[in-house]
Amino acid sequence: MLLSKIQTDSSQSNIQQRIANTAIALGVGVISLTASIAPAFARSGLDFDRYCKSQHQRNGMLAWAHRNGNTVYDWSCIQHNPVSRSQKRFGINVGHACAVQRGTWDHGFTNRNNPFSWYCGR
């Protein structure tokens, strides 16, 4: 009976130690996750589709972002007239898109060959 009690106490102690270690590890993980996310707020991504809709979707026209290639320079807005089935292509002013979506004209990209690497901010 005494051996069983010691094993139970030892098991409970072991479980408590594991819980404490897990809590500490999670706490450190949360701190490091927060630290790694914080700089991302200075550089925010862009939603070109939302920008195109805000600039060119009106009077029954539809609009969306279109990518015709694999570099940062291959984005444009398409405006579609569903009645005549005609389309117009417009360039995207990335500075203006940042101003509209993020409140800053500052912008750039991290990789010319990654069309999704545009960001707003410094």
PDB file of N, CA and C in Angstrom:
ATOM      1  N   MET A   1       0.826  -1.187   0.000  1.00  0.00           N
ATOM      2  CA  MET A   1       0.000   0.000   0.000  1.00  0.00           C
ATOM      3  C   MET A   1       0.874   1.256   0.000  1.00  0.00           C
ATOM      4  N   LEU A   2       1.921   1.247   0.802  1.00  0.00           N
ATOM      5  CA  LEU A   2       2.818   2.391   0.874  1.00  0.00           C
ATOM      6  C   LEU A   2       3.497   2.619  -0.469  1.00  0.00           C
ATOM      7  N   LEU A   3       3.918   1.548  -1.147  1.00  0.00           N
ATOM      8  CA  LEU A   3       4.561   1.657  -2.455  1.00  0.00           C
ATOM      9  C   LEU A   3       3.589   2.260  -3.474  1.00  0.00           C
ATOM     10  N   SER A   4       2.346   1.819  -3.417  1.00  0.00           N
ATOM     11  CA  SER A   4       1.320   2.339  -4.317  1.00  0.00           C
ATOM     12  C   SER A   4       1.109   3.832  -4.079  1.00  0.00           C
ATOM     13  N   LYS A   5       1.091   4.240  -2.817  1.00  0.00           N
ATOM     14  CA  LYS A   5       0.921   5.650  -2.463  1.00  0.00           C
ATOM     15  C   LYS A   5       2.104   6.474  -2.972  1.00  0.00           C
ATOM     16  N   ILE A   6       3.327   5.965  -2.834  1.00  0.00           N
ATOM     17  CA  ILE A   6       4.523   6.681  -3.290  1.00  0.00           C
ATOM     18  C   ILE A   6       4.494   6.819  -4.808  1.00  0.00           C
ATOM     19  N   GLN A   7       4.090   5.737  -5.517  1.00  0.00           N
ATOM     20  CA  GLN A   7       4.016   5.790  -6.971  1.00  0.00           C
ATOM     21  C   GLN A   7       2.960   6.809  -7.425  1.00  0.00           C
ATOM     22  N   THR A   8       1.825   6.851  -6.718  1.00  0.00           N
ATOM     23  CA  THR A   8       0.770   7.798  -7.053  1.00  0.00           C
ATOM     24  C   THR A   8       1.256   9.225  -6.842  1.00  0.00           C
ATOM     25  N   ASP A   9       1.918   9.461  -5.669  1.00  0.00           N
ATOM     26  CA  ASP A   9       2.446  10.795  -5.397  1.00  0.00           C
ATOM     27  C   ASP A   9       3.494  11.174  -6.439  1.00  0.00           C
ATOM     28  N   SER A  10       4.340  10.205  -6.805  1.00  0.00           N
ATOM     29  CA  SER A  10       5.381  10.448  -7.795  1.00  0.00           C
ATOM     30  C   SER A  10       4.761  10.749  -9.155  1.00  0.00           C
ATOM     31  N   SER A  11       3.721  10.016  -9.525  1.00  0.00           N
ATOM     32  CA  SER A  11       3.041  10.240 -10.806  1.00  0.00           C
ATOM     33  C   SER A  11       2.385  11.614 -10.831  1.00  0.00           C
ATOM     34  N   GLN A  12       1.741  11.993  -9.730  1.00  0.00           N
ATOM     35  CA  GLN A  12       1.099  13.302  -9.662  1.00  0.00           C
ATOM     36  C   GLN A  12       2.135  14.410  -9.739  1.00  0.00           C
ATOM     37  N   SER A  13       3.249  14.208  -9.042  1.00  0.00           N
ATOM     38  CA  SER A  13       4.318  15.194  -9.059  1.00  0.00           C
ATOM     39  C   SER A  13       4.888  15.320 -10.475  1.00  0.00           C
ATOM     40  N   ASN A  14       5.058  14.176 -11.139  1.00  0.00           N
ATOM     41  CA  ASN A  14       5.573  14.157 -12.503  1.00  0.00           C
ATOM     42  C   ASN A  14       4.612  14.877 -13.452  1.00  0.00           C
ATOM     43  N   ILE A  15       3.330  14.640 -13.282  1.00  0.00           N
ATOM     44  CA  ILE A  15       2.319  15.302 -14.118  1.00  0.00           C
ATOM     45  C   ILE A  15       2.334  16.803 -13.851  1.00  0.00           C
ATOM     46  N   GLN A  16       2.419  17.184 -12.567  1.00  0.00           N
ATOM     47  CA  GLN A  16       2.454  18.608 -12.231  1.00  0.00           C
ATOM     48  C   GLN A  16       3.698  19.270 -12.833  1.00  0.00           C
ATOM     49  N   GLN A  17       4.826  18.561 -12.783  1.00  0.00           N
ATOM     50  CA  GLN A  17       6.066  19.105 -13.349  1.00  0.00           C
ATOM     51  C   GLN A  17       5.922  19.277 -14.859  1.00  0.00           C
ATOM     52  N   ARG A  18       5.316  18.300 -15.521  1.00  0.00           N
ATOM     53  CA  ARG A  18       5.118  18.396 -16.970  1.00  0.00           C
ATOM     54  C   ARG A  18       4.193  19.561 -17.323  1.00  0.00           C
ATOM     55  N   ILE A  19       3.145  19.735 -16.538  1.00  0.00           N
ATOM     56  CA  ILE A  19       2.228  20.857 -16.777  1.00  0.00           C
ATOM     57  C   ILE A  19       2.971  22.176 -16.606  1.00  0.00           C
ATOM     58  N   ALA A  20       3.767  22.288 -15.539  1.00  0.00           N
ATOM     59  CA  ALA A  20       4.529  23.517 -15.296  1.00  0.00           C
ATOM     60  C   ALA A  20       5.507  23.776 -16.440  1.00  0.00           C
ATOM     61  N   ASN A  21       6.213  22.727 -16.887  1.00  0.00           N
ATOM     62  CA  ASN A  21       7.164  22.888 -17.991  1.00  0.00           C
ATOM     63  C   ASN A  21       6.452  23.296 -19.276  1.00  0.00           C
ATOM     64  N   THR A  22       5.284  22.715 -19.510  1.00  0.00           N
ATOM     65  CA  THR A  22       4.508  23.059 -20.704  1.00  0.00           C
ATOM     66  C   THR A  22       4.045  24.510 -20.640  1.00  0.00           C
ATOM     67  N   ALA A  23       3.582  24.933 -19.468  1.00  0.00           N
ATOM     68  CA  ALA A  23       3.126  26.313 -19.305  1.00  0.00           C
ATOM     69  C   ALA A  23       4.271  27.287 -19.547  1.00  0.00           C
ATOM     70  N   ILE A  24       5.445  26.958 -19.023  1.00  0.00           N
ATOM     71  CA  ILE A  24       6.612  27.827 -19.232  1.00  0.00           C
ATOM     72  C   ILE A  24       6.965  27.860 -20.710  1.00  0.00           C
ATOM     73  N   ALA A  25       6.976  26.691 -21.349  1.00  0.00           N
ATOM     74  CA  ALA A  25       7.309  26.628 -22.772  1.00  0.00           C
ATOM     75  C   ALA A  25       6.291  27.408 -23.597  1.00  0.00           C
ATOM     76  N   LEU A  26       5.030  27.275 -23.264  1.00  0.00           N
ATOM     77  CA  LEU A  26       4.006  28.018 -23.987  1.00  0.00           C
ATOM     78  C   LEU A  26       4.150  29.510 -23.754  1.00  0.00           C
ATOM     79  N   GLY A  27       4.451  29.900 -22.551  1.00  0.00           N
ATOM     80  CA  GLY A  27       4.646  31.312 -22.248  1.00  0.00           C
ATOM     81  C   GLY A  27       5.790  31.894 -23.050  1.00  0.00           C
ATOM     82  N   VAL A  28       6.897  31.194 -23.121  1.00  0.00           N
ATOM     83  CA  VAL A  28       8.041  31.645 -23.903  1.00  0.00           C
ATOM     84  C   VAL A  28       7.659  31.681 -25.372  1.00  0.00           C
ATOM     85  N   GLY A  29       6.911  30.662 -25.818  1.00  0.00           N
ATOM     86  CA  GLY A  29       6.459  30.634 -27.206  1.00  0.00           C
ATOM     87  C   GLY A  29       5.582  31.820 -27.539  1.00  0.00           C
ATOM     88  N   VAL A  30       4.711  32.189 -26.635  1.00  0.00           N
ATOM     89  CA  VAL A  30       3.829  33.330 -26.867  1.00  0.00           C
ATOM     90  C   VAL A  30       4.638  34.615 -26.923  1.00  0.00           C
ATOM     91  N   ILE A  31       5.604  34.742 -26.022  1.00  0.00           N
ATOM     92  CA  ILE A  31       6.446  35.944 -26.014  1.00  0.00           C
ATOM     93  C   ILE A  31       7.236  36.031 -27.312  1.00  0.00           C
ATOM     94  N   SER A  32       7.848  34.930 -27.752  1.00  0.00           N
ATOM     95  CA  SER A  32       8.638  34.985 -28.972  1.00  0.00           C
ATOM     96  C   SER A  32       7.745  35.161 -30.193  1.00  0.00           C
ATOM     97  N   LEU A  33       6.531  34.592 -30.166  1.00  0.00           N
ATOM     98  CA  LEU A  33       5.600  34.766 -31.271  1.00  0.00           C
ATOM     99  C   LEU A  33       5.179  36.226 -31.359  1.00  0.00           C
ATOM    100  N   THR A  34       4.888  36.827 -30.241  1.00  0.00           N
ATOM    101  CA  THR A  34       4.501  38.233 -30.216  1.00  0.00           C
ATOM    102  C   THR A  34       5.644  39.104 -30.723  1.00  0.00           C
ATOM    103  N   ALA A  35       6.849  38.801 -30.314  1.00  0.00           N
ATOM    104  CA  ALA A  35       8.000  39.588 -30.744  1.00  0.00           C
ATOM    105  C   ALA A  35       8.214  39.452 -32.245  1.00  0.00           C
ATOM    106  N   SER A  36       7.978  38.258 -32.797  1.00  0.00           N
ATOM    107  CA  SER A  36       8.203  38.093 -34.228  1.00  0.00           C
ATOM    108  C   SER A  36       7.070  38.696 -35.049  1.00  0.00           C
ATOM    109  N   ILE A  37       5.887  38.843 -34.490  1.00  0.00           N
ATOM    110  CA  ILE A  37       4.759  39.422 -35.217  1.00  0.00           C
ATOM    111  C   ILE A  37       4.811  40.943 -35.170  1.00  0.00           C
ATOM    112  N   ALA A  38       5.283  41.513 -34.104  1.00  0.00           N
ATOM    113  CA  ALA A  38       5.231  42.962 -33.920  1.00  0.00           C
ATOM    114  C   ALA A  38       5.776  43.757 -35.099  1.00  0.00           C
ATOM    115  N   PRO A  39       6.942  43.426 -35.689  1.00  0.00           N
ATOM    116  CA  PRO A  39       7.432  44.219 -36.809  1.00  0.00           C
ATOM    117  C   PRO A  39       6.517  44.156 -38.031  1.00  0.00           C
ATOM    118  N   ALA A  40       5.721  43.120 -38.154  1.00  0.00           N
ATOM    119  CA  ALA A  40       4.846  42.987 -39.317  1.00  0.00           C
ATOM    120  C   ALA A  40       3.802  44.095 -39.363  1.00  0.00           C
ATOM    121  N   PHE A  41       3.462  44.678 -38.231  1.00  0.00           N
ATOM    122  CA  PHE A  41       2.470  45.742 -38.221  1.00  0.00           C
ATOM    123  C   PHE A  41       3.002  46.994 -38.903  1.00  0.00           C
ATOM    124  N   ALA A  42       4.304  47.197 -38.877  1.00  0.00           N
ATOM    125  CA  ALA A  42       4.890  48.345 -39.549  1.00  0.00           C
ATOM    126  C   ALA A  42       4.790  48.175 -41.065  1.00  0.00           C
ATOM    127  N   ARG A  43       4.838  46.940 -41.537  1.00  0.00           N
ATOM    128  CA  ARG A  43       4.728  46.635 -42.960  1.00  0.00           C
ATOM    129  C   ARG A  43       3.493  45.771 -43.163  1.00  0.00           C
ATOM    130  N   SER A  44       2.480  46.354 -43.725  1.00  0.00           N
ATOM    131  CA  SER A  44       1.228  45.634 -43.926  1.00  0.00           C
ATOM    132  C   SER A  44       1.047  45.294 -45.395  1.00  0.00           C
ATOM    133  N   GLY A  45       0.461  44.146 -45.643  1.00  0.00           N
ATOM    134  CA  GLY A  45       0.210  43.713 -47.006  1.00  0.00           C
ATOM    135  C   GLY A  45      -0.912  44.489 -47.664  1.00  0.00           C
ATOM    136  N   LEU A  46      -1.103  44.224 -48.933  1.00  0.00           N
ATOM    137  CA  LEU A  46      -2.115  44.913 -49.733  1.00  0.00           C
ATOM    138  C   LEU A  46      -3.136  43.927 -50.261  1.00  0.00           C
ATOM    139  N   ASP A  47      -4.347  44.397 -50.425  1.00  0.00           N
ATOM    140  CA  ASP A  47      -5.405  43.620 -51.060  1.00  0.00           C
ATOM    141  C   ASP A  47      -5.732  44.324 -52.372  1.00  0.00           C
ATOM    142  N   PHE A  48      -5.051  43.922 -53.451  1.00  0.00           N
ATOM    143  CA  PHE A  48      -5.251  44.573 -54.733  1.00  0.00           C
ATOM    144  C   PHE A  48      -6.675  44.379 -55.250  1.00  0.00           C
ATOM    145  N   ASP A  49      -7.267  43.241 -54.963  1.00  0.00           N
ATOM    146  CA  ASP A  49      -8.635  43.001 -55.419  1.00  0.00           C
ATOM    147  C   ASP A  49      -9.586  44.022 -54.791  1.00  0.00           C
ATOM    148  N   ARG A  50      -9.454  44.233 -53.499  1.00  0.00           N
ATOM    149  CA  ARG A  50     -10.287  45.214 -52.807  1.00  0.00           C
ATOM    150  C   ARG A  50     -10.025  46.617 -53.352  1.00  0.00           C
ATOM    151  N   TYR A  51      -8.753  46.923 -53.624  1.00  0.00           N
ATOM    152  CA  TYR A  51      -8.414  48.231 -54.187  1.00  0.00           C
ATOM    153  C   TYR A  51      -9.074  48.426 -55.553  1.00  0.00           C
ATOM    154  N   CYS A  52      -8.991  47.426 -56.419  1.00  0.00           N
ATOM    155  CA  CYS A  52      -9.589  47.534 -57.755  1.00  0.00           C
ATOM    156  C   CYS A  52     -11.097  47.732 -57.667  1.00  0.00           C
ATOM    157  N   LYS A  53     -11.727  47.000 -56.794  1.00  0.00           N
ATOM    158  CA  LYS A  53     -13.177  47.155 -56.617  1.00  0.00           C
ATOM    159  C   LYS A  53     -13.505  48.576 -56.142  1.00  0.00           C
ATOM    160  N   SER A  54     -12.721  49.103 -55.210  1.00  0.00           N
ATOM    161  CA  SER A  54     -13.009  50.437 -54.673  1.00  0.00           C
ATOM    162  C   SER A  54     -12.793  51.529 -55.717  1.00  0.00           C
ATOM    163  N   GLN A  55     -11.911  51.305 -56.662  1.00  0.00           N
ATOM    164  CA  GLN A  55     -11.601  52.335 -57.650  1.00  0.00           C
ATOM    165  C   GLN A  55     -12.404  52.211 -58.942  1.00  0.00           C
ATOM    166  N   HIS A  56     -12.799  51.009 -59.335  1.00  0.00           N
ATOM    167  CA  HIS A  56     -13.355  50.806 -60.671  1.00  0.00           C
ATOM    168  C   HIS A  56     -14.697  50.071 -60.724  1.00  0.00           C
ATOM    169  N   GLN A  57     -15.233  49.646 -59.602  1.00  0.00           N
ATOM    170  CA  GLN A  57     -16.514  48.929 -59.625  1.00  0.00           C
ATOM    171  C   GLN A  57     -17.639  49.905 -59.283  1.00  0.00           C
ATOM    172  N   ARG A  58     -18.334  50.373 -60.312  1.00  0.00           N
ATOM    173  CA  ARG A  58     -19.444  51.308 -60.125  1.00  0.00           C
ATOM    174  C   ARG A  58     -20.314  51.312 -61.378  1.00  0.00           C
ATOM    175  N   ASN A  59     -21.504  51.848 -61.249  1.00  0.00           N
ATOM    176  CA  ASN A  59     -22.444  51.961 -62.369  1.00  0.00           C
ATOM    177  C   ASN A  59     -22.659  50.626 -63.085  1.00  0.00           C
ATOM    178  N   GLY A  60     -22.782  49.567 -62.312  1.00  0.00           N
ATOM    179  CA  GLY A  60     -23.029  48.256 -62.907  1.00  0.00           C
ATOM    180  C   GLY A  60     -21.784  47.542 -63.400  1.00  0.00           C
ATOM    181  N   MET A  61     -20.659  48.210 -63.338  1.00  0.00           N
ATOM    182  CA  MET A  61     -19.394  47.600 -63.768  1.00  0.00           C
ATOM    183  C   MET A  61     -18.865  46.695 -62.655  1.00  0.00           C
ATOM    184  N   LEU A  62     -18.172  45.659 -63.037  1.00  0.00           N
ATOM    185  CA  LEU A  62     -17.488  44.794 -62.091  1.00  0.00           C
ATOM    186  C   LEU A  62     -16.001  45.078 -62.188  1.00  0.00           C
ATOM    187  N   ALA A  63     -15.270  44.811 -61.124  1.00  0.00           N
ATOM    188  CA  ALA A  63     -13.828  45.037 -61.152  1.00  0.00           C
ATOM    189  C   ALA A  63     -13.125  44.021 -60.271  1.00  0.00           C
ATOM    190  N   TRP A  64     -11.891  43.711 -60.629  1.00  0.00           N
ATOM    191  CA  TRP A  64     -11.082  42.780 -59.847  1.00  0.00           C
ATOM    192  C   TRP A  64      -9.615  42.976 -60.203  1.00  0.00           C
ATOM    193  N   ALA A  65      -8.758  42.467 -59.352  1.00  0.00           N
ATOM    194  CA  ALA A  65      -7.320  42.499 -59.618  1.00  0.00           C
ATOM    195  C   ALA A  65      -6.969  41.328 -60.517  1.00  0.00           C
ATOM    196  N   HIS A  66      -6.021  41.571 -61.396  1.00  0.00           N
ATOM    197  CA  HIS A  66      -5.574  40.525 -62.323  1.00  0.00           C
ATOM    198  C   HIS A  66      -4.048  40.524 -62.347  1.00  0.00           C
ATOM    199  N   ARG A  67      -3.490  39.347 -62.331  1.00  0.00           N
ATOM    200  CA  ARG A  67      -2.028  39.204 -62.411  1.00  0.00           C
ATOM    201  C   ARG A  67      -1.690  38.496 -63.701  1.00  0.00           C
ATOM    202  N   ASN A  68      -0.882  39.151 -64.525  1.00  0.00           N
ATOM    203  CA  ASN A  68      -0.503  38.597 -65.819  1.00  0.00           C
ATOM    204  C   ASN A  68       1.004  38.357 -65.842  1.00  0.00           C
ATOM    205  N   GLY A  69       1.478  37.516 -64.943  1.00  0.00           N
ATOM    206  CA  GLY A  69       2.906  37.239 -64.835  1.00  0.00           C
ATOM    207  C   GLY A  69       3.270  36.907 -63.409  1.00  0.00           C
ATOM    208  N   ASN A  70       4.557  36.835 -63.157  1.00  0.00           N
ATOM    209  CA  ASN A  70       5.021  36.388 -61.840  1.00  0.00           C
ATOM    210  C   ASN A  70       5.969  37.365 -61.159  1.00  0.00           C
ATOM    211  N   THR A  71       5.838  38.650 -61.474  1.00  0.00           N
ATOM    212  CA  THR A  71       6.647  39.638 -60.765  1.00  0.00           C
ATOM    213  C   THR A  71       5.713  40.643 -60.088  1.00  0.00           C
ATOM    214  N   VAL A  72       6.278  41.488 -59.272  1.00  0.00           N
ATOM    215  CA  VAL A  72       5.474  42.497 -58.574  1.00  0.00           C
ATOM    216  C   VAL A  72       4.855  43.494 -59.549  1.00  0.00           C
ATOM    217  N   TYR A  73       5.422  43.602 -60.743  1.00  0.00           N
ATOM    218  CA  TYR A  73       4.942  44.582 -61.721  1.00  0.00           C
ATOM    219  C   TYR A  73       3.813  44.059 -62.615  1.00  0.00           C
ATOM    220  N   ASP A  74       3.352  42.858 -62.375  1.00  0.00           N
ATOM    221  CA  ASP A  74       2.378  42.222 -63.268  1.00  0.00           C
ATOM    222  C   ASP A  74       0.931  42.334 -62.808  1.00  0.00           C
ATOM    223  N   TRP A  75       0.639  43.235 -61.874  1.00  0.00           N
ATOM    224  CA  TRP A  75      -0.732  43.423 -61.388  1.00  0.00           C
ATOM    225  C   TRP A  75      -1.428  44.528 -62.164  1.00  0.00           C
ATOM    226  N   SER A  76      -2.720  44.370 -62.378  1.00  0.00           N
ATOM    227  CA  SER A  76      -3.551  45.429 -62.949  1.00  0.00           C
ATOM    228  C   SER A  76      -4.981  45.225 -62.466  1.00  0.00           C
ATOM    229  N   CYS A  77      -5.805  46.221 -62.708  1.00  0.00           N
ATOM    230  CA  CYS A  77      -7.236  46.117 -62.411  1.00  0.00           C
ATOM    231  C   CYS A  77      -7.970  45.878 -63.722  1.00  0.00           C
ATOM    232  N   ILE A  78      -8.948  45.015 -63.672  1.00  0.00           N
ATOM    233  CA  ILE A  78      -9.827  44.779 -64.809  1.00  0.00           C
ATOM    234  C   ILE A  78     -11.203  45.328 -64.453  1.00  0.00           C
ATOM    235  N   GLN A  79     -11.750  46.142 -65.346  1.00  0.00           N
ATOM    236  CA  GLN A  79     -13.115  46.626 -65.198  1.00  0.00           C
ATOM    237  C   GLN A  79     -13.944  45.956 -66.297  1.00  0.00           C
ATOM    238  N   HIS A  80     -14.989  45.294 -65.878  1.00  0.00           N
ATOM    239  CA  HIS A  80     -15.811  44.509 -66.817  1.00  0.00           C
ATOM    240  C   HIS A  80     -17.223  45.066 -66.877  1.00  0.00           C
ATOM    241  N   ASN A  81     -17.699  45.287 -68.100  1.00  0.00           N
ATOM    242  CA  ASN A  81     -19.073  45.708 -68.325  1.00  0.00           C
ATOM    243  C   ASN A  81     -19.874  44.458 -68.676  1.00  0.00           C
ATOM    244  N   PRO A  82     -20.750  43.985 -67.772  1.00  0.00           N
ATOM    245  CA  PRO A  82     -21.479  42.746 -68.038  1.00  0.00           C
ATOM    246  C   PRO A  82     -22.501  42.870 -69.165  1.00  0.00           C
ATOM    247  N   VAL A  83     -22.925  44.081 -69.488  1.00  0.00           N
ATOM    248  CA  VAL A  83     -23.903  44.269 -70.564  1.00  0.00           C
ATOM    249  C   VAL A  83     -23.226  44.126 -71.929  1.00  0.00           C
ATOM    250  N   SER A  84     -22.176  44.889 -72.143  1.00  0.00           N
ATOM    251  CA  SER A  84     -21.488  44.842 -73.434  1.00  0.00           C
ATOM    252  C   SER A  84     -20.394  43.773 -73.474  1.00  0.00           C
ATOM    253  N   ARG A  85     -20.115  43.195 -72.306  1.00  0.00           N
ATOM    254  CA  ARG A  85     -19.057  42.180 -72.158  1.00  0.00           C
ATOM    255  C   ARG A  85     -17.682  42.716 -72.571  1.00  0.00           C
ATOM    256  N   SER A  86     -17.519  44.007 -72.404  1.00  0.00           N
ATOM    257  CA  SER A  86     -16.222  44.609 -72.700  1.00  0.00           C
ATOM    258  C   SER A  86     -15.421  44.758 -71.411  1.00  0.00           C
ATOM    259  N   GLN A  87     -14.119  44.855 -71.568  1.00  0.00           N
ATOM    260  CA  GLN A  87     -13.233  45.009 -70.416  1.00  0.00           C
ATOM    261  C   GLN A  87     -12.227  46.112 -70.675  1.00  0.00           C
ATOM    262  N   LYS A  88     -11.851  46.782 -69.601  1.00  0.00           N
ATOM    263  CA  LYS A  88     -10.775  47.765 -69.634  1.00  0.00           C
ATOM    264  C   LYS A  88      -9.753  47.361 -68.580  1.00  0.00           C
ATOM    265  N   ARG A  89      -8.511  47.621 -68.878  1.00  0.00           N
ATOM    266  CA  ARG A  89      -7.426  47.326 -67.939  1.00  0.00           C
ATOM    267  C   ARG A  89      -6.861  48.641 -67.423  1.00  0.00           C
ATOM    268  N   PHE A  90      -6.648  48.706 -66.107  1.00  0.00           N
ATOM    269  CA  PHE A  90      -6.085  49.886 -65.466  1.00  0.00           C
ATOM    270  C   PHE A  90      -4.858  49.475 -64.663  1.00  0.00           C
ATOM    271  N   GLY A  91      -3.855  50.327 -64.669  1.00  0.00           N
ATOM    272  CA  GLY A  91      -2.694  50.088 -63.822  1.00  0.00           C
ATOM    273  C   GLY A  91      -3.050  50.327 -62.361  1.00  0.00           C
ATOM    274  N   ILE A  92      -2.256  49.757 -61.476  1.00  0.00           N
ATOM    275  CA  ILE A  92      -2.467  49.942 -60.037  1.00  0.00           C
ATOM    276  C   ILE A  92      -1.410  50.904 -59.509  1.00  0.00           C
ATOM    277  N   ASN A  93      -1.852  51.971 -58.886  1.00  0.00           N
ATOM    278  CA  ASN A  93      -0.960  52.901 -58.220  1.00  0.00           C
ATOM    279  C   ASN A  93      -0.768  52.366 -56.794  1.00  0.00           C
ATOM    280  N   VAL A  94       0.343  51.696 -56.565  1.00  0.00           N
ATOM    281  CA  VAL A  94       0.557  51.017 -55.285  1.00  0.00           C
ATOM    282  C   VAL A  94       0.605  52.009 -54.133  1.00  0.00           C
ATOM    283  N   GLY A  95       1.189  53.171 -54.334  1.00  0.00           N
ATOM    284  CA  GLY A  95       1.206  54.192 -53.289  1.00  0.00           C
ATOM    285  C   GLY A  95      -0.207  54.605 -52.895  1.00  0.00           C
ATOM    286  N   HIS A  96      -1.060  54.799 -53.897  1.00  0.00           N
ATOM    287  CA  HIS A  96      -2.446  55.168 -53.612  1.00  0.00           C
ATOM    288  C   HIS A  96      -3.178  54.018 -52.934  1.00  0.00           C
ATOM    289  N   ALA A  97      -2.923  52.785 -53.374  1.00  0.00           N
ATOM    290  CA  ALA A  97      -3.544  51.619 -52.731  1.00  0.00           C
ATOM    291  C   ALA A  97      -3.160  51.570 -51.252  1.00  0.00           C
ATOM    292  N   CYS A  98      -1.905  51.857 -50.940  1.00  0.00           N
ATOM    293  CA  CYS A  98      -1.470  51.882 -49.532  1.00  0.00           C
ATOM    294  C   CYS A  98      -2.155  53.013 -48.775  1.00  0.00           C
ATOM    295  N   ALA A  99      -2.270  54.170 -49.425  1.00  0.00           N
ATOM    296  CA  ALA A  99      -2.920  55.308 -48.772  1.00  0.00           C
ATOM    297  C   ALA A  99      -4.379  54.990 -48.449  1.00  0.00           C
ATOM    298  N   VAL A 100      -5.066  54.351 -49.390  1.00  0.00           N
ATOM    299  CA  VAL A 100      -6.473  54.008 -49.197  1.00  0.00           C
ATOM    300  C   VAL A 100      -6.634  52.933 -48.125  1.00  0.00           C
ATOM    301  N   GLN A 101      -5.790  51.899 -48.169  1.00  0.00           N
ATOM    302  CA  GLN A 101      -5.967  50.751 -47.272  1.00  0.00           C
ATOM    303  C   GLN A 101      -5.230  50.869 -45.946  1.00  0.00           C
ATOM    304  N   ARG A 102      -4.085  51.542 -45.935  1.00  0.00           N
ATOM    305  CA  ARG A 102      -3.248  51.544 -44.727  1.00  0.00           C
ATOM    306  C   ARG A 102      -2.907  52.929 -44.194  1.00  0.00           C
ATOM    307  N   GLY A 103      -3.335  53.967 -44.904  1.00  0.00           N
ATOM    308  CA  GLY A 103      -3.097  55.320 -44.404  1.00  0.00           C
ATOM    309  C   GLY A 103      -1.684  55.831 -44.599  1.00  0.00           C
ATOM    310  N   THR A 104      -0.918  55.214 -45.483  1.00  0.00           N
ATOM    311  CA  THR A 104       0.430  55.682 -45.781  1.00  0.00           C
ATOM    312  C   THR A 104       0.722  55.478 -47.257  1.00  0.00           C
ATOM    313  N   TRP A 105       1.470  56.406 -47.829  1.00  0.00           N
ATOM    314  CA  TRP A 105       1.875  56.260 -49.226  1.00  0.00           C
ATOM    315  C   TRP A 105       3.140  55.417 -49.344  1.00  0.00           C
ATOM    316  N   ASP A 106       3.831  55.199 -48.214  1.00  0.00           N
ATOM    317  CA  ASP A 106       5.067  54.414 -48.240  1.00  0.00           C
ATOM    318  C   ASP A 106       4.773  52.986 -48.651  1.00  0.00           C
ATOM    319  N   HIS A 107       5.590  52.452 -49.543  1.00  0.00           N
ATOM    320  CA  HIS A 107       5.385  51.080 -49.993  1.00  0.00           C
ATOM    321  C   HIS A 107       6.678  50.524 -50.580  1.00  0.00           C
ATOM    322  N   GLY A 108       6.678  49.236 -50.772  1.00  0.00           N
ATOM    323  CA  GLY A 108       7.820  48.557 -51.373  1.00  0.00           C
ATOM    324  C   GLY A 108       7.488  47.084 -51.538  1.00  0.00           C
ATOM    325  N   PHE A 109       8.482  46.325 -51.920  1.00  0.00           N
ATOM    326  CA  PHE A 109       8.307  44.884 -52.019  1.00  0.00           C
ATOM    327  C   PHE A 109       9.567  44.207 -51.530  1.00  0.00           C
ATOM    328  N   THR A 110       9.437  42.967 -51.132  1.00  0.00           N
ATOM    329  CA  THR A 110      10.578  42.234 -50.596  1.00  0.00           C
ATOM    330  C   THR A 110      11.271  41.377 -51.641  1.00  0.00           C
ATOM    331  N   ASN A 111      10.555  41.031 -52.717  1.00  0.00           N
ATOM    332  CA  ASN A 111      11.129  40.172 -53.737  1.00  0.00           C
ATOM    333  C   ASN A 111      10.465  40.486 -55.076  1.00  0.00           C
ATOM    334  N   ARG A 112      11.228  41.036 -55.989  1.00  0.00           N
ATOM    335  CA  ARG A 112      10.693  41.414 -57.301  1.00  0.00           C
ATOM    336  C   ARG A 112       9.995  40.253 -57.996  1.00  0.00           C
ATOM    337  N   ASN A 113      10.468  39.052 -57.779  1.00  0.00           N
ATOM    338  CA  ASN A 113       9.915  37.870 -58.446  1.00  0.00           C
ATOM    339  C   ASN A 113       8.800  37.190 -57.663  1.00  0.00           C
ATOM    340  N   ASN A 114       8.295  37.854 -56.636  1.00  0.00           N
ATOM    341  CA  ASN A 114       7.154  37.339 -55.882  1.00  0.00           C
ATOM    342  C   ASN A 114       6.049  38.397 -55.944  1.00  0.00           C
ATOM    343  N   PRO A 115       5.025  38.182 -56.779  1.00  0.00           N
ATOM    344  CA  PRO A 115       3.999  39.205 -56.944  1.00  0.00           C
ATOM    345  C   PRO A 115       3.199  39.500 -55.675  1.00  0.00           C
ATOM    346  N   PHE A 116       3.340  38.646 -54.668  1.00  0.00           N
ATOM    347  CA  PHE A 116       2.599  38.834 -53.418  1.00  0.00           C
ATOM    348  C   PHE A 116       3.465  39.480 -52.326  1.00  0.00           C
ATOM    349  N   SER A 117       4.610  40.040 -52.699  1.00  0.00           N
ATOM    350  CA  SER A 117       5.524  40.578 -51.687  1.00  0.00           C
ATOM    351  C   SER A 117       5.416  42.088 -51.498  1.00  0.00           C
ATOM    352  N   TRP A 118       4.404  42.735 -52.073  1.00  0.00           N
ATOM    353  CA  TRP A 118       4.187  44.157 -51.834  1.00  0.00           C
ATOM    354  C   TRP A 118       3.821  44.394 -50.361  1.00  0.00           C
ATOM    355  N   TYR A 119       4.243  45.505 -49.829  1.00  0.00           N
ATOM    356  CA  TYR A 119       3.857  45.892 -48.479  1.00  0.00           C
ATOM    357  C   TYR A 119       3.698  47.404 -48.406  1.00  0.00           C
ATOM    358  N   CYS A 120       2.958  47.848 -47.418  1.00  0.00           N
ATOM    359  CA  CYS A 120       2.805  49.274 -47.124  1.00  0.00           C
ATOM    360  C   CYS A 120       3.590  49.568 -45.842  1.00  0.00           C
ATOM    361  N   GLY A 121       4.199  50.715 -45.779  1.00  0.00           N
ATOM    362  CA  GLY A 121       4.988  51.099 -44.608  1.00  0.00           C
ATOM    363  C   GLY A 121       6.452  51.156 -44.966  1.00  0.00           C
ATOM    364  N   ARG A 122       7.257  51.328 -43.949  1.00  0.00           N
ATOM    365  CA  ARG A 122       8.717  51.418 -44.164  1.00  0.00           C
ATOM    366  C   ARG A 122       9.420  50.198 -43.662  1.00  0.00           C
TER     367      ARG A 122
END
